[in-house]
Amino acid sequence: LEAELQLDRLKPKLSRRVLVLRDHQPAWHGELALAPGDPPLCLNITAYLRDEADFKDKLSPIALSLSLALPGEAPGLVLYGDTLVQAQVGDTCLGWG
């Protein structure tokens, strides 16, 4: 699967408040290799909140999005599941598994 994680996606790219620790970007792109019979895949991506002095908006929620797509070389396959999942989390630690 082709995966894309967008952090603070409702803000313009230059004013996003959350960045991926590894490359200091507001998004992560990657490929997830899945095969029938494999155990569930778990991937941890560490992100951080920029310093308060670097942004003015401290009240609006931080929206994250994760999109999954089949690669172009997978004709005839269909990706099935929820297309929109929303949750409001009051904790500072989020996890996907």
PDB file of N, CA and C in Angstrom:
ATOM      1  N   LEU A   1       0.833  -1.182   0.000  1.00  0.00           N
ATOM      2  CA  LEU A   1       0.000   0.000   0.000  1.00  0.00           C
ATOM      3  C   LEU A   1       0.875   1.242   0.000  1.00  0.00           C
ATOM      4  N   GLU A   2       0.404   2.251  -0.640  1.00  0.00           N
ATOM      5  CA  GLU A   2       1.056   3.561  -0.569  1.00  0.00           C
ATOM      6  C   GLU A   2       0.356   4.346   0.535  1.00  0.00           C
ATOM      7  N   ALA A   3       1.139   4.856   1.490  1.00  0.00           N
ATOM      8  CA  ALA A   3       0.575   5.551   2.645  1.00  0.00           C
ATOM      9  C   ALA A   3       1.070   6.989   2.685  1.00  0.00           C
ATOM     10  N   GLU A   4       0.182   7.880   3.145  1.00  0.00           N
ATOM     11  CA  GLU A   4       0.545   9.288   3.321  1.00  0.00           C
ATOM     12  C   GLU A   4      -0.083   9.792   4.611  1.00  0.00           C
ATOM     13  N   LEU A   5       0.743  10.349   5.477  1.00  0.00           N
ATOM     14  CA  LEU A   5       0.300  10.944   6.731  1.00  0.00           C
ATOM     15  C   LEU A   5       0.493  12.449   6.619  1.00  0.00           C
ATOM     16  N   GLN A   6      -0.568  13.207   6.844  1.00  0.00           N
ATOM     17  CA  GLN A   6      -0.511  14.668   6.832  1.00  0.00           C
ATOM     18  C   GLN A   6      -0.751  15.169   8.252  1.00  0.00           C
ATOM     19  N   LEU A   7       0.161  15.971   8.769  1.00  0.00           N
ATOM     20  CA  LEU A   7       0.046  16.532  10.114  1.00  0.00           C
ATOM     21  C   LEU A   7      -0.435  17.972  10.034  1.00  0.00           C
ATOM     22  N   ASP A   8      -1.392  18.318  10.890  1.00  0.00           N
ATOM     23  CA  ASP A   8      -1.959  19.677  10.924  1.00  0.00           C
ATOM     24  C   ASP A   8      -2.434  20.088   9.535  1.00  0.00           C
ATOM     25  N   ARG A   9      -3.150  19.200   8.882  1.00  0.00           N
ATOM     26  CA  ARG A   9      -3.485  19.323   7.467  1.00  0.00           C
ATOM     27  C   ARG A   9      -4.396  20.500   7.110  1.00  0.00           C
ATOM     28  N   LEU A  10      -5.060  21.102   8.086  1.00  0.00           N
ATOM     29  CA  LEU A  10      -5.941  22.228   7.787  1.00  0.00           C
ATOM     30  C   LEU A  10      -5.192  23.551   7.668  1.00  0.00           C
ATOM     31  N   LYS A  11      -3.923  23.547   8.015  1.00  0.00           N
ATOM     32  CA  LYS A  11      -3.093  24.757   7.929  1.00  0.00           C
ATOM     33  C   LYS A  11      -2.267  24.730   6.639  1.00  0.00           C
ATOM     34  N   PRO A  12      -1.881  25.897   6.120  1.00  0.00           N
ATOM     35  CA  PRO A  12      -0.962  25.932   4.971  1.00  0.00           C
ATOM     36  C   PRO A  12       0.360  25.267   5.362  1.00  0.00           C
ATOM     37  N   LYS A  13       1.055  24.685   4.392  1.00  0.00           N
ATOM     38  CA  LYS A  13       2.275  23.917   4.683  1.00  0.00           C
ATOM     39  C   LYS A  13       3.300  24.693   5.503  1.00  0.00           C
ATOM     40  N   LEU A  14       3.495  25.969   5.217  1.00  0.00           N
ATOM     41  CA  LEU A  14       4.529  26.737   5.914  1.00  0.00           C
ATOM     42  C   LEU A  14       4.154  27.112   7.343  1.00  0.00           C
ATOM     43  N   SER A  15       2.863  26.997   7.702  1.00  0.00           N
ATOM     44  CA  SER A  15       2.472  27.381   9.065  1.00  0.00           C
ATOM     45  C   SER A  15       1.968  26.190   9.884  1.00  0.00           C
ATOM     46  N   ARG A  16       2.324  24.984   9.482  1.00  0.00           N
ATOM     47  CA  ARG A  16       1.904  23.813  10.252  1.00  0.00           C
ATOM     48  C   ARG A  16       2.663  23.739  11.566  1.00  0.00           C
ATOM     49  N   ARG A  17       1.935  23.333  12.606  1.00  0.00           N
ATOM     50  CA  ARG A  17       2.482  23.358  13.967  1.00  0.00           C
ATOM     51  C   ARG A  17       3.132  22.044  14.387  1.00  0.00           C
ATOM     52  N   VAL A  18       2.893  20.972  13.627  1.00  0.00           N
ATOM     53  CA  VAL A  18       3.416  19.649  13.972  1.00  0.00           C
ATOM     54  C   VAL A  18       4.256  19.139  12.811  1.00  0.00           C
ATOM     55  N   LEU A  19       5.426  18.580  13.118  1.00  0.00           N
ATOM     56  CA  LEU A  19       6.339  18.076  12.098  1.00  0.00           C
ATOM     57  C   LEU A  19       6.806  16.673  12.468  1.00  0.00           C
ATOM     58  N   VAL A  20       7.149  15.881  11.456  1.00  0.00           N
ATOM     59  CA  VAL A  20       7.722  14.554  11.675  1.00  0.00           C
ATOM     60  C   VAL A  20       9.156  14.738  12.161  1.00  0.00           C
ATOM     61  N   LEU A  21       9.515  14.046  13.215  1.00  0.00           N
ATOM     62  CA  LEU A  21      10.836  14.228  13.826  1.00  0.00           C
ATOM     63  C   LEU A  21      11.969  13.867  12.870  1.00  0.00           C
ATOM     64  N   ARG A  22      11.817  12.791  12.107  1.00  0.00           N
ATOM     65  CA  ARG A  22      12.915  12.290  11.269  1.00  0.00           C
ATOM     66  C   ARG A  22      13.398  13.315  10.244  1.00  0.00           C
ATOM     67  N   ASP A  23      12.470  14.008   9.583  1.00  0.00           N
ATOM     68  CA  ASP A  23      12.900  14.930   8.523  1.00  0.00           C
ATOM     69  C   ASP A  23      12.345  16.346   8.678  1.00  0.00           C
ATOM     70  N   HIS A  24      11.679  16.612   9.789  1.00  0.00           N
ATOM     71  CA  HIS A  24      11.150  17.948  10.098  1.00  0.00           C
ATOM     72  C   HIS A  24      10.195  18.456   9.013  1.00  0.00           C
ATOM     73  N   GLN A  25       9.379  17.564   8.465  1.00  0.00           N
ATOM     74  CA  GLN A  25       8.392  17.909   7.452  1.00  0.00           C
ATOM     75  C   GLN A  25       6.989  17.676   8.014  1.00  0.00           C
ATOM     76  N   PRO A  26       5.959  18.354   7.462  1.00  0.00           N
ATOM     77  CA  PRO A  26       4.600  18.177   7.970  1.00  0.00           C
ATOM     78  C   PRO A  26       3.881  16.954   7.384  1.00  0.00           C
ATOM     79  N   ALA A  27       4.598  16.114   6.653  1.00  0.00           N
ATOM     80  CA  ALA A  27       3.968  14.939   6.053  1.00  0.00           C
ATOM     81  C   ALA A  27       4.970  13.796   5.985  1.00  0.00           C
ATOM     82  N   TRP A  28       4.433  12.582   5.897  1.00  0.00           N
ATOM     83  CA  TRP A  28       5.252  11.381   5.720  1.00  0.00           C
ATOM     84  C   TRP A  28       4.629  10.555   4.604  1.00  0.00           C
ATOM     85  N   HIS A  29       5.464  10.049   3.722  1.00  0.00           N
ATOM     86  CA  HIS A  29       5.026   9.178   2.629  1.00  0.00           C
ATOM     87  C   HIS A  29       5.828   7.889   2.731  1.00  0.00           C
ATOM     88  N   GLY A  30       5.169   6.777   2.469  1.00  0.00           N
ATOM     89  CA  GLY A  30       5.886   5.515   2.513  1.00  0.00           C
ATOM     90  C   GLY A  30       5.081   4.389   1.896  1.00  0.00           C
ATOM     91  N   GLU A  31       5.732   3.277   1.737  1.00  0.00           N
ATOM     92  CA  GLU A  31       5.073   2.076   1.222  1.00  0.00           C
ATOM     93  C   GLU A  31       4.985   1.057   2.339  1.00  0.00           C
ATOM     94  N   LEU A  32       3.830   0.426   2.451  1.00  0.00           N
ATOM     95  CA  LEU A  32       3.607  -0.606   3.440  1.00  0.00           C
ATOM     96  C   LEU A  32       3.459  -1.929   2.705  1.00  0.00           C
ATOM     97  N   ALA A  33       4.359  -2.856   2.967  1.00  0.00           N
ATOM     98  CA  ALA A  33       4.327  -4.158   2.290  1.00  0.00           C
ATOM     99  C   ALA A  33       3.471  -5.129   3.098  1.00  0.00           C
ATOM    100  N   LEU A  34       2.380  -5.568   2.502  1.00  0.00           N
ATOM    101  CA  LEU A  34       1.457  -6.500   3.138  1.00  0.00           C
ATOM    102  C   LEU A  34       1.318  -7.736   2.270  1.00  0.00           C
ATOM    103  N   ALA A  35       1.195  -8.871   2.922  1.00  0.00           N
ATOM    104  CA  ALA A  35       0.985 -10.126   2.192  1.00  0.00           C
ATOM    105  C   ALA A  35      -0.009 -10.977   2.976  1.00  0.00           C
ATOM    106  N   PRO A  36      -0.801 -11.793   2.276  1.00  0.00           N
ATOM    107  CA  PRO A  36      -1.758 -12.660   2.976  1.00  0.00           C
ATOM    108  C   PRO A  36      -1.036 -13.541   3.995  1.00  0.00           C
ATOM    109  N   GLY A  37      -1.595 -13.635   5.197  1.00  0.00           N
ATOM    110  CA  GLY A  37      -1.009 -14.468   6.237  1.00  0.00           C
ATOM    111  C   GLY A  37       0.038 -13.775   7.088  1.00  0.00           C
ATOM    112  N   ASP A  38       0.488 -12.591   6.679  1.00  0.00           N
ATOM    113  CA  ASP A  38       1.460 -11.845   7.492  1.00  0.00           C
ATOM    114  C   ASP A  38       0.773 -11.316   8.745  1.00  0.00           C
ATOM    115  N   PRO A  39       1.528 -11.157   9.838  1.00  0.00           N
ATOM    116  CA  PRO A  39       0.937 -10.544  11.035  1.00  0.00           C
ATOM    117  C   PRO A  39       0.622  -9.069  10.751  1.00  0.00           C
ATOM    118  N   PRO A  40      -0.221  -8.464  11.589  1.00  0.00           N
ATOM    119  CA  PRO A  40      -0.531  -7.029  11.402  1.00  0.00           C
ATOM    120  C   PRO A  40       0.743  -6.189  11.398  1.00  0.00           C
ATOM    121  N   LEU A  41       0.724  -5.149  10.609  1.00  0.00           N
ATOM    122  CA  LEU A  41       1.872  -4.252  10.478  1.00  0.00           C
ATOM    123  C   LEU A  41       1.682  -3.058  11.404  1.00  0.00           C
ATOM    124  N   CYS A  42       2.695  -2.754  12.185  1.00  0.00           N
ATOM    125  CA  CYS A  42       2.652  -1.608  13.084  1.00  0.00           C
ATOM    126  C   CYS A  42       3.835  -0.701  12.759  1.00  0.00           C
ATOM    127  N   LEU A  43       3.574   0.569  12.610  1.00  0.00           N
ATOM    128  CA  LEU A  43       4.612   1.528  12.272  1.00  0.00           C
ATOM    129  C   LEU A  43       4.461   2.735  13.192  1.00  0.00           C
ATOM    130  N   ASN A  44       5.517   3.105  13.878  1.00  0.00           N
ATOM    131  CA  ASN A  44       5.507   4.277  14.757  1.00  0.00           C
ATOM    132  C   ASN A  44       6.228   5.419  14.067  1.00  0.00           C
ATOM    133  N   ILE A  45       5.563   6.562  14.011  1.00  0.00           N
ATOM    134  CA  ILE A  45       6.151   7.769  13.428  1.00  0.00           C
ATOM    135  C   ILE A  45       6.112   8.838  14.520  1.00  0.00           C
ATOM    136  N   THR A  46       7.276   9.322  14.904  1.00  0.00           N
ATOM    137  CA  THR A  46       7.360  10.320  15.967  1.00  0.00           C
ATOM    138  C   THR A  46       7.245  11.715  15.361  1.00  0.00           C
ATOM    139  N   ALA A  47       6.363  12.506  15.954  1.00  0.00           N
ATOM    140  CA  ALA A  47       6.158  13.885  15.509  1.00  0.00           C
ATOM    141  C   ALA A  47       6.311  14.797  16.720  1.00  0.00           C
ATOM    142  N   TYR A  48       6.539  16.063  16.462  1.00  0.00           N
ATOM    143  CA  TYR A  48       6.696  17.008  17.559  1.00  0.00           C
ATOM    144  C   TYR A  48       5.959  18.302  17.257  1.00  0.00           C
ATOM    145  N   LEU A  49       5.582  18.991  18.316  1.00  0.00           N
ATOM    146  CA  LEU A  49       4.923  20.288  18.227  1.00  0.00           C
ATOM    147  C   LEU A  49       6.003  21.364  18.203  1.00  0.00           C
ATOM    148  N   ARG A  50       5.950  22.236  17.204  1.00  0.00           N
ATOM    149  CA  ARG A  50       6.939  23.315  17.123  1.00  0.00           C
ATOM    150  C   ARG A  50       6.846  24.211  18.351  1.00  0.00           C
ATOM    151  N   ASP A  51       7.872  24.977  18.601  1.00  0.00           N
ATOM    152  CA  ASP A  51       7.906  25.893  19.726  1.00  0.00           C
ATOM    153  C   ASP A  51       6.752  26.890  19.616  1.00  0.00           C
ATOM    154  N   GLU A  52       6.122  27.209  20.742  1.00  0.00           N
ATOM    155  CA  GLU A  52       4.988  28.144  20.750  1.00  0.00           C
ATOM    156  C   GLU A  52       5.319  29.478  20.097  1.00  0.00           C
ATOM    157  N   ALA A  53       6.537  29.915  20.211  1.00  0.00           N
ATOM    158  CA  ALA A  53       6.935  31.204  19.639  1.00  0.00           C
ATOM    159  C   ALA A  53       6.899  31.185  18.110  1.00  0.00           C
ATOM    160  N   ASP A  54       6.887  29.989  17.506  1.00  0.00           N
ATOM    161  CA  ASP A  54       6.922  29.861  16.052  1.00  0.00           C
ATOM    162  C   ASP A  54       5.551  29.961  15.386  1.00  0.00           C
ATOM    163  N   PHE A  55       4.467  29.968  16.172  1.00  0.00           N
ATOM    164  CA  PHE A  55       3.133  30.076  15.570  1.00  0.00           C
ATOM    165  C   PHE A  55       2.196  30.851  16.490  1.00  0.00           C
ATOM    166  N   LYS A  56       1.170  31.455  15.891  1.00  0.00           N
ATOM    167  CA  LYS A  56       0.225  32.283  16.641  1.00  0.00           C
ATOM    168  C   LYS A  56      -0.994  31.490  17.099  1.00  0.00           C
ATOM    169  N   ASP A  57      -1.469  30.562  16.277  1.00  0.00           N
ATOM    170  CA  ASP A  57      -2.702  29.833  16.553  1.00  0.00           C
ATOM    171  C   ASP A  57      -2.443  28.712  17.557  1.00  0.00           C
ATOM    172  N   LYS A  58      -2.914  28.923  18.782  1.00  0.00           N
ATOM    173  CA  LYS A  58      -2.709  27.919  19.829  1.00  0.00           C
ATOM    174  C   LYS A  58      -4.019  27.261  20.247  1.00  0.00           C
ATOM    175  N   LEU A  59      -5.131  27.651  19.619  1.00  0.00           N
ATOM    176  CA  LEU A  59      -6.432  27.160  20.056  1.00  0.00           C
ATOM    177  C   LEU A  59      -7.101  26.172  19.101  1.00  0.00           C
ATOM    178  N   SER A  60      -6.843  26.279  17.828  1.00  0.00           N
ATOM    179  CA  SER A  60      -7.544  25.388  16.901  1.00  0.00           C
ATOM    180  C   SER A  60      -6.980  23.974  16.982  1.00  0.00           C
ATOM    181  N   PRO A  61      -7.845  22.977  16.754  1.00  0.00           N
ATOM    182  CA  PRO A  61      -7.376  21.588  16.841  1.00  0.00           C
ATOM    183  C   PRO A  61      -6.353  21.271  15.753  1.00  0.00           C
ATOM    184  N   ILE A  62      -5.548  20.276  16.024  1.00  0.00           N
ATOM    185  CA  ILE A  62      -4.554  19.816  15.052  1.00  0.00           C
ATOM    186  C   ILE A  62      -5.142  18.596  14.354  1.00  0.00           C
ATOM    187  N   ALA A  63      -5.437  18.737  13.078  1.00  0.00           N
ATOM    188  CA  ALA A  63      -6.060  17.655  12.311  1.00  0.00           C
ATOM    189  C   ALA A  63      -4.992  16.826  11.607  1.00  0.00           C
ATOM    190  N   LEU A  64      -5.120  15.519  11.723  1.00  0.00           N
ATOM    191  CA  LEU A  64      -4.215  14.583  11.059  1.00  0.00           C
ATOM    192  C   LEU A  64      -5.007  13.779  10.052  1.00  0.00           C
ATOM    193  N   SER A  65      -4.363  13.387   8.972  1.00  0.00           N
ATOM    194  CA  SER A  65      -5.033  12.494   8.023  1.00  0.00           C
ATOM    195  C   SER A  65      -4.053  11.417   7.587  1.00  0.00           C
ATOM    196  N   LEU A  66      -4.576  10.233   7.406  1.00  0.00           N
ATOM    197  CA  LEU A  66      -3.810   9.106   6.906  1.00  0.00           C
ATOM    198  C   LEU A  66      -4.556   8.552   5.710  1.00  0.00           C
ATOM    199  N   SER A  67      -3.896   8.525   4.563  1.00  0.00           N
ATOM    200  CA  SER A  67      -4.531   7.966   3.383  1.00  0.00           C
ATOM    201  C   SER A  67      -3.745   6.751   2.907  1.00  0.00           C
ATOM    202  N   LEU A  68      -4.469   5.761   2.441  1.00  0.00           N
ATOM    203  CA  LEU A  68      -3.894   4.537   1.911  1.00  0.00           C
ATOM    204  C   LEU A  68      -4.405   4.333   0.505  1.00  0.00           C
ATOM    205  N   ALA A  69      -3.528   3.905  -0.385  1.00  0.00           N
ATOM    206  CA  ALA A  69      -3.922   3.662  -1.769  1.00  0.00           C
ATOM    207  C   ALA A  69      -3.183   2.441  -2.286  1.00  0.00           C
ATOM    208  N   LEU A  70      -3.814   1.765  -3.195  1.00  0.00           N
ATOM    209  CA  LEU A  70      -3.152   0.647  -3.858  1.00  0.00           C
ATOM    210  C   LEU A  70      -2.178   1.190  -4.877  1.00  0.00           C
ATOM    211  N   PRO A  71      -1.039   0.548  -5.039  1.00  0.00           N
ATOM    212  CA  PRO A  71      -0.094   1.011  -6.063  1.00  0.00           C
ATOM    213  C   PRO A  71      -0.689   0.842  -7.455  1.00  0.00           C
ATOM    214  N   GLY A  72      -0.215   1.624  -8.396  1.00  0.00           N
ATOM    215  CA  GLY A  72      -0.720   1.576  -9.765  1.00  0.00           C
ATOM    216  C   GLY A  72      -0.534   0.229 -10.432  1.00  0.00           C
ATOM    217  N   GLU A  73       0.446  -0.549  -9.930  1.00  0.00           N
ATOM    218  CA  GLU A  73       0.695  -1.853 -10.537  1.00  0.00           C
ATOM    219  C   GLU A  73      -0.181  -2.947  -9.942  1.00  0.00           C
ATOM    220  N   ALA A  74      -1.275  -2.613  -9.306  1.00  0.00           N
ATOM    221  CA  ALA A  74      -2.155  -3.606  -8.685  1.00  0.00           C
ATOM    222  C   ALA A  74      -3.526  -3.603  -9.354  1.00  0.00           C
ATOM    223  N   PRO A  75      -3.605  -3.897 -10.660  1.00  0.00           N
ATOM    224  CA  PRO A  75      -4.907  -3.866 -11.337  1.00  0.00           C
ATOM    225  C   PRO A  75      -5.819  -4.967 -10.809  1.00  0.00           C
ATOM    226  N   GLY A  76      -7.086  -4.648 -10.696  1.00  0.00           N
ATOM    227  CA  GLY A  76      -8.068  -5.631 -10.269  1.00  0.00           C
ATOM    228  C   GLY A  76      -8.227  -5.742  -8.763  1.00  0.00           C
ATOM    229  N   LEU A  77      -7.348  -5.134  -7.983  1.00  0.00           N
ATOM    230  CA  LEU A  77      -7.479  -5.175  -6.528  1.00  0.00           C
ATOM    231  C   LEU A  77      -8.303  -3.981  -6.058  1.00  0.00           C
ATOM    232  N   VAL A  78      -9.016  -4.176  -4.955  1.00  0.00           N
ATOM    233  CA  VAL A  78      -9.870  -3.125  -4.411  1.00  0.00           C
ATOM    234  C   VAL A  78      -9.518  -2.923  -2.948  1.00  0.00           C
ATOM    235  N   LEU A  79      -9.358  -1.683  -2.543  1.00  0.00           N
ATOM    236  CA  LEU A  79      -9.101  -1.338  -1.154  1.00  0.00           C
ATOM    237  C   LEU A  79     -10.451  -1.113  -0.492  1.00  0.00           C
ATOM    238  N   TYR A  80     -10.732  -1.856   0.576  1.00  0.00           N
ATOM    239  CA  TYR A  80     -12.041  -1.798   1.215  1.00  0.00           C
ATOM    240  C   TYR A  80     -11.890  -1.374   2.672  1.00  0.00           C
ATOM    241  N   GLY A  81     -12.742  -0.493   3.152  1.00  0.00           N
ATOM    242  CA  GLY A  81     -12.719  -0.087   4.553  1.00  0.00           C
ATOM    243  C   GLY A  81     -13.299   1.291   4.730  1.00  0.00           C
ATOM    244  N   ASP A  82     -13.171   1.832   5.925  1.00  0.00           N
ATOM    245  CA  ASP A  82     -13.691   3.170   6.210  1.00  0.00           C
ATOM    246  C   ASP A  82     -12.926   4.202   5.405  1.00  0.00           C
ATOM    247  N   THR A  83     -13.645   5.150   4.842  1.00  0.00           N
ATOM    248  CA  THR A  83     -12.992   6.200   4.073  1.00  0.00           C
ATOM    249  C   THR A  83     -12.756   7.451   4.919  1.00  0.00           C
ATOM    250  N   LEU A  84     -13.479   7.580   6.035  1.00  0.00           N
ATOM    251  CA  LEU A  84     -13.298   8.741   6.896  1.00  0.00           C
ATOM    252  C   LEU A  84     -13.419   8.292   8.343  1.00  0.00           C
ATOM    253  N   VAL A  85     -12.385   8.503   9.101  1.00  0.00           N
ATOM    254  CA  VAL A  85     -12.401   8.184  10.526  1.00  0.00           C
ATOM    255  C   VAL A  85     -11.954   9.440  11.258  1.00  0.00           C
ATOM    256  N   GLN A  86     -12.783   9.899  12.179  1.00  0.00           N
ATOM    257  CA  GLN A  86     -12.433  11.091  12.947  1.00  0.00           C
ATOM    258  C   GLN A  86     -12.478  10.758  14.424  1.00  0.00           C
ATOM    259  N   ALA A  87     -11.558  11.329  15.161  1.00  0.00           N
ATOM    260  CA  ALA A  87     -11.550  11.164  16.613  1.00  0.00           C
ATOM    261  C   ALA A  87     -10.943  12.405  17.235  1.00  0.00           C
ATOM    262  N   GLN A  88     -11.500  12.815  18.357  1.00  0.00           N
ATOM    263  CA  GLN A  88     -10.912  13.921  19.091  1.00  0.00           C
ATOM    264  C   GLN A  88     -10.184  13.309  20.278  1.00  0.00           C
ATOM    265  N   VAL A  89      -8.901  13.594  20.358  1.00  0.00           N
ATOM    266  CA  VAL A  89      -8.061  12.995  21.384  1.00  0.00           C
ATOM    267  C   VAL A  89      -7.515  14.109  22.258  1.00  0.00           C
ATOM    268  N   GLY A  90      -7.673  13.973  23.543  1.00  0.00           N
ATOM    269  CA  GLY A  90      -7.171  14.981  24.460  1.00  0.00           C
ATOM    270  C   GLY A  90      -5.752  14.716  24.921  1.00  0.00           C
ATOM    271  N   ASP A  91      -5.239  13.542  24.638  1.00  0.00           N
ATOM    272  CA  ASP A  91      -3.899  13.164  25.058  1.00  0.00           C
ATOM    273  C   ASP A  91      -2.884  13.661  24.023  1.00  0.00           C
ATOM    274  N   THR A  92      -1.632  13.732  24.394  1.00  0.00           N
ATOM    275  CA  THR A  92      -0.598  14.180  23.466  1.00  0.00           C
ATOM    276  C   THR A  92       0.076  13.031  22.748  1.00  0.00           C
ATOM    277  N   CYS A  93      -0.333  11.801  23.025  1.00  0.00           N
ATOM    278  CA  CYS A  93       0.291  10.634  22.385  1.00  0.00           C
ATOM    279  C   CYS A  93      -0.757   9.935  21.535  1.00  0.00           C
ATOM    280  N   LEU A  94      -0.491   9.819  20.254  1.00  0.00           N
ATOM    281  CA  LEU A  94      -1.388   9.136  19.344  1.00  0.00           C
ATOM    282  C   LEU A  94      -0.680   7.916  18.800  1.00  0.00           C
ATOM    283  N   GLY A  95      -1.421   6.881  18.497  1.00  0.00           N
ATOM    284  CA  GLY A  95      -0.796   5.695  17.924  1.00  0.00           C
ATOM    285  C   GLY A  95      -1.700   5.044  16.898  1.00  0.00           C
ATOM    286  N   TRP A  96      -1.087   4.511  15.898  1.00  0.00           N
ATOM    287  CA  TRP A  96      -1.802   3.723  14.891  1.00  0.00           C
ATOM    288  C   TRP A  96      -1.184   2.357  14.900  1.00  0.00           C
ATOM    289  N   GLY A  97      -1.985   1.325  14.776  1.00  0.00           N
ATOM    290  CA  GLY A  97      -1.398   0.005  14.802  1.00  0.00           C
ATOM    291  C   GLY A  97      -2.054  -0.925  13.830  1.00  0.00           C
TER     292      GLY A  97
END
